[in-house]
């Protein structure tokens, strides 16, 4: 039987034994789901859970393996992916190593130059990979397979035609890949629930923010599953794995509010008794009528995840966010009145005036906490993402970036050298994040920081 191996590298430096949230390895599961299990023997290895050297796949690995697929985001996943690719190359040099995911898709020219990369799949691979595997199996030409960069028999780099493929809603469902992973490893107690699992119901976002790779990749387009399909999937997860909550990690779950309402109605009618959350944007969520939110709550809606990004109005304008700080407070008030948990993410340290945006963001967070102390706050130091307008801005402000895949492996966001942030300000930011991450947020934090001898 034909075999394909998928590897999902670990995301952090140390093994991911008990993270706050461990999502399913959707990037490789979505690809595995496209293959007929009567024709293909599929293996998925999750580097967050398995030791790449001691995993039982080495007993399974033989001459029937057509290729190895590695999915990687920037940073640690590249490092771990390269280590796994080296193991494959040293033991099975004849097996093609195919890379895909966010980083290879955004940096294909650098990626393909690495000795441990034979083929790069650019963009969503659900339509591309089955065609690629078919050609590899018969040792045919790859020139007619779109969205590839590969090395030919002379190790010369070849590009195929780049096509925009809207594939998400037309692909074989992710449920076909559940059998390839230990689902129990991805069910966790979170946000007042005991058995939470992630699910993706849409891709893309109509809002193009200058810091976000989503806009760069999907160009403002959004594709989704139907409400009926989502409800069927949630019912399967409930009945097969006894989950009590679904975390929808879509780029923007609420783009089509009628789809969400229909989904809500279906699962309420089926009496699934399951809770769920979803992603939104500030100016979108504050426009939802109270009766709309109440209707969603009846089906188990309990939490909304929103990227606020900054408390500095100048920054919000520059990064193409349409909301303003006052609207953020309106959202918090709305969530409190409806008893919906709000999870808000922020970044500090943008290039233009990092000290100003830092303190104005702190001030906004403090106002939020005075309104609703239970609001979940996620705070990060700004890191430029590949393919974005702010990536180019960061270069103009003096930031240096790697020139090879191997160098990107050591480009970890916790060790960035950000030239526009002074050492003194960086320590303040880091101290704030540490303080905030370990203690209850109070309105005294600004004074706490201002009183520090840094």
Protein backbone atom coordinates (compact mmCIF):
# COMPACT_ATOMS: atom_id res chain seq x y z
CA UNK A 1 0.00 0.00 0.00
CA UNK A 2 1.20 3.54 -0.78
CA UNK A 3 2.39 5.45 2.26
CA UNK A 4 2.63 9.14 3.19
CA UNK A 5 4.18 10.53 6.38
CA UNK A 6 3.21 13.94 7.77
CA UNK A 7 5.23 15.69 10.46
CA UNK A 8 3.94 18.58 12.57
CA UNK A 9 6.95 20.14 14.35
CA UNK A 10 6.94 21.32 17.93
CA UNK A 11 6.03 24.98 18.35
CA UNK A 12 8.11 25.90 21.40
CA UNK A 13 11.69 25.15 22.32
CA UNK A 14 10.90 22.52 24.94
CA UNK A 15 8.51 19.64 24.45
CA UNK A 16 4.90 20.77 24.64
CA UNK A 17 3.83 18.51 27.51
CA UNK A 18 1.10 20.56 29.17
CA UNK A 19 0.44 23.83 27.32
CA UNK A 20 -2.31 26.33 28.03
CA UNK A 21 -3.89 25.33 24.74
CA UNK A 22 -2.79 22.56 22.39
CA UNK A 23 -4.70 22.56 19.15
CA UNK A 24 -5.03 19.66 16.78
CA UNK A 25 -2.32 19.64 14.07
CA UNK A 26 -4.90 20.89 11.57
CA UNK A 27 -2.44 21.85 8.85
CA UNK A 28 -1.34 18.26 8.29
CA UNK A 29 -4.68 16.68 9.22
CA UNK A 30 -6.43 18.72 6.52
CA UNK A 31 -3.99 17.28 3.98
CA UNK A 32 -4.23 13.72 5.26
CA UNK A 33 -8.02 13.90 4.98
CA UNK A 34 -7.77 14.29 1.20
CA UNK A 35 -6.45 10.75 0.68
CA UNK A 36 -8.45 7.53 0.44
CA UNK A 37 -7.44 5.26 3.31
CA UNK A 38 -8.16 2.19 1.18
CA UNK A 39 -5.36 3.29 -1.13
CA UNK A 40 -3.00 5.14 1.22
CA UNK A 41 -1.48 4.28 4.57
CA UNK A 42 -1.17 7.64 6.32
CA UNK A 43 0.89 8.46 9.40
CA UNK A 44 0.87 11.76 11.30
CA UNK A 45 3.63 12.45 13.82
CA UNK A 46 3.08 15.42 16.15
CA UNK A 47 6.47 16.66 17.33
CA UNK A 48 4.82 18.31 20.34
CA UNK A 49 3.88 14.87 21.66
CA UNK A 50 6.31 12.34 20.22
CA UNK A 51 10.07 11.95 20.32
CA UNK A 52 11.09 12.10 16.68
CA UNK A 53 13.91 9.61 17.20
CA UNK A 54 11.97 7.04 19.22
CA UNK A 55 8.57 7.19 17.53
CA UNK A 56 7.28 3.91 16.12
CA UNK A 57 7.12 5.32 12.59
CA UNK A 58 10.62 4.04 11.89
CA UNK A 59 9.28 0.47 11.96
CA UNK A 60 6.49 1.56 9.62
CA UNK A 61 8.76 3.47 7.23
CA UNK A 62 9.79 1.46 4.15
CA UNK A 63 10.12 1.60 0.33
CA UNK A 64 6.38 2.28 -0.06
CA UNK A 65 6.67 5.78 1.41
CA UNK A 66 6.04 8.23 -1.45
CA UNK A 67 7.02 11.40 0.39
CA UNK A 68 7.32 13.11 3.76
CA UNK A 69 5.34 16.30 4.35
CA UNK A 70 6.43 18.90 6.91
CA UNK A 71 4.26 21.90 7.88
CA UNK A 72 5.97 24.86 9.51
CA UNK A 73 5.37 28.32 10.86
CA UNK A 74 8.31 30.68 11.39
CA UNK A 75 10.70 30.03 14.28
CA UNK A 76 10.77 26.84 16.36
CA UNK A 77 8.74 24.78 13.90
CA UNK A 78 11.41 25.34 11.26
CA UNK A 79 14.12 24.27 13.68
CA UNK A 80 12.31 21.09 14.67
CA UNK A 81 11.21 20.43 11.09
CA UNK A 82 14.79 20.62 9.86
CA UNK A 83 15.90 18.15 12.55
CA UNK A 84 13.21 15.71 11.42
CA UNK A 85 14.06 16.26 7.75
CA UNK A 86 17.69 15.46 8.52
CA UNK A 87 16.66 12.16 10.10
CA UNK A 88 14.71 11.30 6.95
CA UNK A 89 17.52 12.36 4.63
CA UNK A 90 20.15 10.35 6.48
CA UNK A 91 18.06 7.17 6.62
CA UNK A 92 15.97 7.41 3.43
CA UNK A 93 17.74 9.79 1.01
CA UNK A 94 15.53 8.73 -1.91
CA UNK A 95 12.28 9.93 -0.26
CA UNK A 96 11.22 13.46 -1.32
CA UNK A 97 10.80 15.94 1.53
CA UNK A 98 7.88 18.31 0.91
CA UNK A 99 7.49 21.50 2.94
CA UNK A 100 4.35 23.59 3.31
CA UNK A 101 2.56 25.84 5.77
CA UNK A 102 2.83 29.52 6.58
CA UNK A 103 6.57 30.08 6.40
CA UNK A 104 7.37 28.08 3.24
CA UNK A 105 4.35 29.64 1.51
CA UNK A 106 5.46 33.17 2.34
CA UNK A 107 9.19 32.55 1.77
CA UNK A 108 9.34 29.86 -0.96
CA UNK A 109 12.51 31.19 -2.63
CA UNK A 110 14.57 30.92 0.55
CA UNK A 111 12.93 27.68 1.63
CA UNK A 112 13.60 25.69 -1.55
CA UNK A 113 17.31 26.54 -1.40
CA UNK A 114 17.81 24.47 1.73
CA UNK A 115 19.37 21.04 1.19
CA UNK A 116 16.66 19.43 3.33
CA UNK A 117 13.86 20.73 1.10
CA UNK A 118 12.96 19.06 -2.20
CA UNK A 119 9.54 20.57 -2.86
CA UNK A 120 7.58 23.53 -1.49
CA UNK A 121 3.77 23.61 -1.68
CA UNK A 122 2.62 27.23 -1.76
CA UNK A 123 -0.66 28.15 -0.09
CA UNK A 124 -3.51 25.84 0.86
CA UNK A 125 -2.36 22.36 -0.10
CA UNK A 126 -5.57 20.35 -0.06
CA UNK A 127 -5.95 20.51 -3.85
CA UNK A 128 -2.25 20.55 -4.71
CA UNK A 129 -0.87 17.73 -2.59
CA UNK A 130 -2.96 14.82 -3.99
CA UNK A 131 -1.88 15.79 -7.50
CA UNK A 132 1.74 16.05 -6.36
CA UNK A 133 1.66 12.65 -4.64
CA UNK A 134 0.15 11.04 -7.73
CA UNK A 135 2.98 12.39 -9.90
CA UNK A 136 5.64 11.35 -7.39
CA UNK A 137 4.21 7.83 -7.24
CA UNK A 138 4.49 7.30 -11.00
CA UNK A 139 7.75 9.30 -11.09
CA UNK A 140 6.15 11.72 -13.53
CA UNK A 141 6.81 15.37 -14.29
CA UNK A 142 5.71 17.93 -11.72
CA UNK A 143 5.49 20.81 -14.17
CA UNK A 144 1.71 20.60 -14.53
CA UNK A 145 1.04 20.60 -10.78
CA UNK A 146 0.25 24.19 -9.74
CA UNK A 147 1.59 26.07 -6.71
CA UNK A 148 4.91 24.29 -6.43
CA UNK A 149 8.58 25.18 -6.24
CA UNK A 150 10.78 22.11 -6.58
CA UNK A 151 14.23 20.84 -7.45
CA UNK A 152 14.41 18.74 -10.62
CA UNK A 153 16.70 15.74 -11.22
CA UNK A 154 19.63 18.14 -11.69
CA UNK A 155 18.73 19.99 -8.45
CA UNK A 156 17.74 23.03 -10.50
CA UNK A 157 14.89 25.09 -9.02
CA UNK A 158 11.61 25.00 -10.99
CA UNK A 159 8.45 27.06 -10.39
CA UNK A 160 5.05 25.90 -11.57
CA UNK A 161 2.03 28.08 -12.27
CA UNK A 162 0.69 29.87 -9.19
CA UNK A 163 -3.09 29.57 -9.00
CA UNK A 164 -5.48 31.05 -6.46
CA UNK A 165 -7.40 28.03 -5.24
CA UNK A 166 -10.48 28.56 -3.12
CA UNK A 167 -10.53 25.06 -1.77
CA UNK A 168 -11.53 25.09 1.90
CA UNK A 169 -15.29 24.59 1.56
CA UNK A 170 -14.88 22.03 -1.25
CA UNK A 171 -12.33 19.70 0.31
CA UNK A 172 -12.86 16.37 2.02
CA UNK A 173 -13.76 16.96 5.70
CA UNK A 174 -11.22 17.06 8.50
CA UNK A 175 -13.12 14.30 10.32
CA UNK A 176 -11.54 11.77 7.94
CA UNK A 177 -8.20 12.47 9.65
CA UNK A 178 -9.32 12.07 13.26
CA UNK A 179 -8.26 8.42 13.14
CA UNK A 180 -4.66 9.41 12.44
CA UNK A 181 -4.14 11.18 15.78
CA UNK A 182 -4.83 10.52 19.44
CA UNK A 183 -7.79 12.87 19.81
CA UNK A 184 -7.70 12.61 23.60
CA UNK A 185 -4.32 14.40 23.60
CA UNK A 186 -5.98 17.53 22.25
CA UNK A 187 -8.93 17.71 24.65
CA UNK A 188 -8.22 20.04 27.57
CA UNK A 189 -9.90 21.77 30.52
CA UNK A 190 -10.12 25.46 29.59
CA UNK A 191 -12.23 28.57 30.25
CA UNK A 192 -14.48 26.88 32.79
CA UNK A 193 -15.00 23.77 30.63
CA UNK A 194 -13.57 20.31 31.19
CA UNK A 195 -13.20 18.91 27.68
CA UNK A 196 -12.45 21.58 25.04
CA UNK A 197 -11.33 20.85 21.48
CA UNK A 198 -10.58 23.14 18.54
CA UNK A 199 -12.37 23.28 15.19
CA UNK A 200 -11.96 25.36 12.03
CA UNK A 201 -15.17 26.39 10.27
CA UNK A 202 -13.80 29.08 7.93
CA UNK A 203 -10.62 30.59 6.55
CA UNK A 204 -9.63 34.12 5.68
CA UNK A 205 -10.92 37.50 6.79
CA UNK A 206 -12.44 40.46 4.90
CA UNK A 207 -10.44 42.92 7.01
CA UNK A 208 -6.89 43.55 5.78
CA UNK A 209 -4.72 44.76 8.67
CA UNK A 210 -1.19 45.86 7.82
CA UNK A 211 0.43 43.69 10.53
CA UNK A 212 -1.45 40.46 9.78
CA UNK A 213 -0.40 37.67 7.41
CA UNK A 214 -4.01 36.56 6.99
CA UNK A 215 -4.74 39.56 4.80
CA UNK A 216 -1.56 39.02 2.79
CA UNK A 217 -2.38 35.39 2.07
CA UNK A 218 -6.15 35.46 1.58
CA UNK A 219 -6.36 38.96 0.06
CA UNK A 220 -9.49 39.86 2.01
CA UNK A 221 -11.37 36.72 0.93
CA UNK A 222 -13.32 34.48 3.29
CA UNK A 223 -14.49 30.90 2.72
CA UNK A 224 -16.60 28.84 5.11
CA UNK A 225 -18.40 25.62 5.80
CA UNK A 226 -22.19 25.71 6.00
CA UNK A 227 -24.01 25.96 9.31
CA UNK A 228 -25.38 22.43 8.75
CA UNK A 229 -21.89 21.01 8.19
CA UNK A 230 -20.51 22.75 11.29
CA UNK A 231 -23.38 21.47 13.43
CA UNK A 232 -22.84 17.91 12.13
CA UNK A 233 -19.14 18.15 12.99
CA UNK A 234 -19.84 19.49 16.46
CA UNK A 235 -22.34 16.70 17.07
CA UNK A 236 -19.72 14.13 16.01
CA UNK A 237 -17.16 15.60 18.41
CA UNK A 238 -19.72 15.62 21.21
CA UNK A 239 -20.90 12.04 20.70
CA UNK A 240 -17.59 10.42 19.72
CA UNK A 241 -15.20 12.21 22.09
CA UNK A 242 -17.48 13.51 24.85
CA UNK A 243 -16.30 17.12 24.51
CA UNK A 244 -18.23 19.81 26.35
CA UNK A 245 -16.94 22.88 24.46
CA UNK A 246 -15.74 23.82 20.97
CA UNK A 247 -13.08 26.46 20.39
CA UNK A 248 -13.60 27.91 16.90
CA UNK A 249 -10.18 29.29 16.01
CA UNK A 250 -11.24 30.72 12.63
CA UNK A 251 -9.56 33.93 11.51
CA UNK A 252 -13.01 35.54 11.87
CA UNK A 253 -15.87 33.25 12.88
CA UNK A 254 -18.58 35.93 12.78
CA UNK A 255 -18.16 37.23 9.20
CA UNK A 256 -21.58 35.84 8.23
CA UNK A 257 -23.81 36.43 11.25
CA UNK A 258 -26.70 34.53 9.63
CA UNK A 259 -24.50 31.44 9.30
CA UNK A 260 -23.65 31.68 13.00
CA UNK A 261 -27.30 32.11 13.95
CA UNK A 262 -28.33 29.12 11.82
CA UNK A 263 -25.59 27.00 13.41
CA UNK A 264 -26.73 28.14 16.84
CA UNK A 265 -30.36 27.23 16.07
CA UNK A 266 -29.44 23.76 14.79
CA UNK A 267 -27.36 22.73 17.80
CA UNK A 268 -30.01 24.09 20.16
CA UNK A 269 -32.71 22.09 18.39
CA UNK A 270 -30.54 18.98 18.62
CA UNK A 271 -30.09 19.60 22.36
CA UNK A 272 -26.34 19.01 22.14
CA UNK A 273 -25.70 20.84 25.41
CA UNK A 274 -22.30 22.09 24.33
CA UNK A 275 -20.55 25.44 24.80
CA UNK A 276 -18.65 27.27 22.10
CA UNK A 277 -16.62 30.40 21.43
CA UNK A 278 -15.56 32.30 18.33
CA UNK A 279 -13.39 35.08 16.91
CA UNK A 280 -14.65 38.51 15.90
CA UNK A 281 -13.48 42.12 15.47
CA UNK A 282 -14.44 45.07 17.65
CA UNK A 283 -16.54 47.06 15.16
CA UNK A 284 -18.34 43.89 14.11
CA UNK A 285 -19.26 42.59 17.54
CA UNK A 286 -20.50 45.88 19.02
CA UNK A 287 -23.11 46.08 16.25
CA UNK A 288 -24.71 42.78 17.23
CA UNK A 289 -28.12 43.41 18.85
CA UNK A 290 -28.56 42.19 22.39
CA UNK A 291 -31.29 39.75 21.35
CA UNK A 292 -28.91 38.24 18.75
CA UNK A 293 -26.27 37.59 21.41
CA UNK A 294 -28.89 36.21 23.79
CA UNK A 295 -30.07 33.78 21.12
CA UNK A 296 -26.51 32.58 20.58
CA UNK A 297 -26.07 32.15 24.33
CA UNK A 298 -29.03 29.75 24.40
CA UNK A 299 -27.01 27.37 22.21
CA UNK A 300 -23.89 27.61 24.39
CA UNK A 301 -22.02 30.72 23.18
CA UNK A 302 -19.86 31.81 26.12
CA UNK A 303 -16.72 33.60 24.88
CA UNK A 304 -15.61 35.98 22.13
CA UNK A 305 -11.98 36.37 21.04
CA UNK A 306 -11.00 39.77 19.65
CA UNK A 307 -7.75 41.34 18.47
CA UNK A 308 -7.71 44.84 19.94
CA UNK A 309 -3.98 45.22 19.20
CA UNK A 310 -3.37 48.68 20.71
CA UNK A 311 -4.73 51.39 22.94
CA UNK A 312 -2.97 54.03 20.85
CA UNK A 313 -5.37 55.55 18.32
CA UNK A 314 -2.50 56.58 16.03
CA UNK A 315 -1.27 52.99 15.91
CA UNK A 316 -4.76 51.67 15.21
CA UNK A 317 -5.02 53.96 12.19
CA UNK A 318 -1.58 52.97 10.90
CA UNK A 319 -2.29 49.23 11.13
CA UNK A 320 -5.69 49.58 9.44
CA UNK A 321 -7.78 48.64 12.45
CA UNK A 322 -11.20 50.24 12.09
CA UNK A 323 -12.09 50.50 15.76
CA UNK A 324 -11.01 53.09 18.31
CA UNK A 325 -10.33 52.69 22.08
CA UNK A 326 -13.81 53.92 23.03
CA UNK A 327 -15.37 51.11 21.00
CA UNK A 328 -13.22 48.57 22.83
CA UNK A 329 -14.73 49.73 26.10
CA UNK A 330 -18.17 49.49 24.48
CA UNK A 331 -17.44 45.86 23.58
CA UNK A 332 -16.35 45.09 27.16
CA UNK A 333 -19.53 46.70 28.52
CA UNK A 334 -21.59 44.67 26.05
CA UNK A 335 -19.92 41.42 27.04
CA UNK A 336 -20.34 42.15 30.74
CA UNK A 337 -24.05 42.94 30.28
CA UNK A 338 -24.56 39.69 28.35
CA UNK A 339 -22.33 37.62 30.65
CA UNK A 340 -20.01 36.73 27.76
CA UNK A 341 -16.31 36.23 28.48
CA UNK A 342 -14.15 38.58 26.41
CA UNK A 343 -10.63 37.48 25.41
CA UNK A 344 -8.70 40.48 24.09
CA UNK A 345 -5.22 40.45 22.58
CA UNK A 346 -2.82 43.41 22.44
CA UNK A 347 0.61 44.23 21.08
CA UNK A 348 3.03 46.89 22.29
CA UNK A 349 6.21 48.27 20.76
CA UNK A 350 5.21 49.30 17.25
CA UNK A 351 7.94 51.15 15.32
CA UNK A 352 6.53 54.68 15.27
CA UNK A 353 6.40 55.70 18.93
CA UNK A 354 6.80 52.58 21.08
CA UNK A 355 6.81 54.31 24.46
CA UNK A 356 3.59 56.17 23.70
CA UNK A 357 1.77 53.08 22.40
CA UNK A 358 2.98 51.06 25.39
CA UNK A 359 1.58 53.40 28.02
CA UNK A 360 -1.65 54.11 26.13
CA UNK A 361 -2.23 50.37 25.75
CA UNK A 362 -1.63 49.86 29.48
CA UNK A 363 -4.10 52.65 30.21
CA UNK A 364 -6.75 51.01 28.02
CA UNK A 365 -6.21 47.61 29.64
CA UNK A 366 -6.66 49.18 33.07
CA UNK A 367 -9.94 50.78 31.97
CA UNK A 368 -11.09 47.41 30.67
CA UNK A 369 -10.26 45.73 33.97
CA UNK A 370 -12.17 48.36 35.94
CA UNK A 371 -15.25 47.59 33.86
CA UNK A 372 -14.87 43.79 33.88
CA UNK A 373 -12.02 42.36 35.94
CA UNK A 374 -12.66 38.89 34.52
CA UNK A 375 -11.72 39.98 30.97
CA UNK A 376 -8.94 37.78 29.58
CA UNK A 377 -5.97 39.84 28.34
CA UNK A 378 -3.24 38.50 26.09
CA UNK A 379 -0.28 40.84 25.67
CA UNK A 380 2.69 40.54 23.32
CA UNK A 381 5.60 42.63 22.10
CA UNK A 382 5.04 43.45 18.43
CA UNK A 383 6.78 41.06 16.03
CA UNK A 384 6.70 41.73 12.27
CA UNK A 385 5.07 38.91 10.33
CA UNK A 386 6.22 37.77 6.92
CA UNK A 387 4.37 39.06 3.89
CA UNK A 388 2.87 42.07 5.64
CA UNK A 389 3.17 45.81 5.18
CA UNK A 390 4.64 46.13 8.66
CA UNK A 391 7.34 43.61 7.78
CA UNK A 392 8.58 46.10 5.21
CA UNK A 393 8.16 48.95 7.72
CA UNK A 394 10.32 47.04 10.22
CA UNK A 395 13.09 46.78 7.64
CA UNK A 396 12.94 50.54 7.05
CA UNK A 397 13.29 51.07 10.81
CA UNK A 398 16.46 49.01 10.87
CA UNK A 399 15.35 45.49 11.71
CA UNK A 400 17.43 42.70 10.19
CA UNK A 401 15.91 39.41 9.06
CA UNK A 402 17.42 36.01 8.15
CA UNK A 403 18.49 35.14 4.62
CA UNK A 404 17.96 31.37 4.73
CA UNK A 405 15.61 28.74 6.11
CA UNK A 406 18.26 27.59 8.57
CA UNK A 407 18.69 31.14 9.87
CA UNK A 408 14.91 31.52 10.26
CA UNK A 409 15.01 28.45 12.52
CA UNK A 410 16.83 30.56 15.12
CA UNK A 411 14.67 33.64 14.59
CA UNK A 412 12.55 33.15 17.68
CA UNK A 413 10.12 35.87 18.64
CA UNK A 414 11.17 35.80 22.27
CA UNK A 415 14.73 36.75 21.29
CA UNK A 416 14.08 39.45 18.69
CA UNK A 417 16.43 42.42 18.57
CA UNK A 418 14.00 45.28 17.94
CA UNK A 419 16.06 48.39 17.10
CA UNK A 420 13.33 50.95 17.80
CA UNK A 421 12.75 49.75 21.37
CA UNK A 422 15.35 50.89 23.87
CA UNK A 423 16.71 48.40 26.35
CA UNK A 424 15.08 50.37 29.16
CA UNK A 425 11.66 50.31 27.49
CA UNK A 426 12.02 46.66 26.56
CA UNK A 427 12.64 45.74 30.20
CA UNK A 428 9.56 47.73 31.21
CA UNK A 429 7.47 45.88 28.64
CA UNK A 430 8.87 42.53 29.67
CA UNK A 431 8.35 43.32 33.36
CA UNK A 432 4.79 44.37 32.67
CA UNK A 433 4.02 41.21 30.72
CA UNK A 434 5.56 39.07 33.47
CA UNK A 435 3.67 40.93 36.19
CA UNK A 436 0.44 40.74 34.26
CA UNK A 437 0.89 37.08 33.41
CA UNK A 438 1.31 35.96 36.99
CA UNK A 439 -0.85 38.30 39.06
CA UNK A 440 -4.33 39.74 39.04
CA UNK A 441 -4.36 42.87 36.90
CA UNK A 442 -5.17 46.01 38.86
CA UNK A 443 -5.21 49.71 38.10
CA UNK A 444 -1.97 50.09 40.06
CA UNK A 445 0.18 48.48 37.40
CA UNK A 446 1.11 51.75 35.69
CA UNK A 447 2.28 53.13 39.02
CA UNK A 448 4.07 49.87 39.71
CA UNK A 449 5.98 50.23 36.45
CA UNK A 450 6.69 53.91 36.78
CA UNK A 451 8.17 53.24 40.19
CA UNK A 452 10.57 50.58 38.98
CA UNK A 453 14.25 51.41 38.80
CA UNK A 454 14.99 50.26 35.24
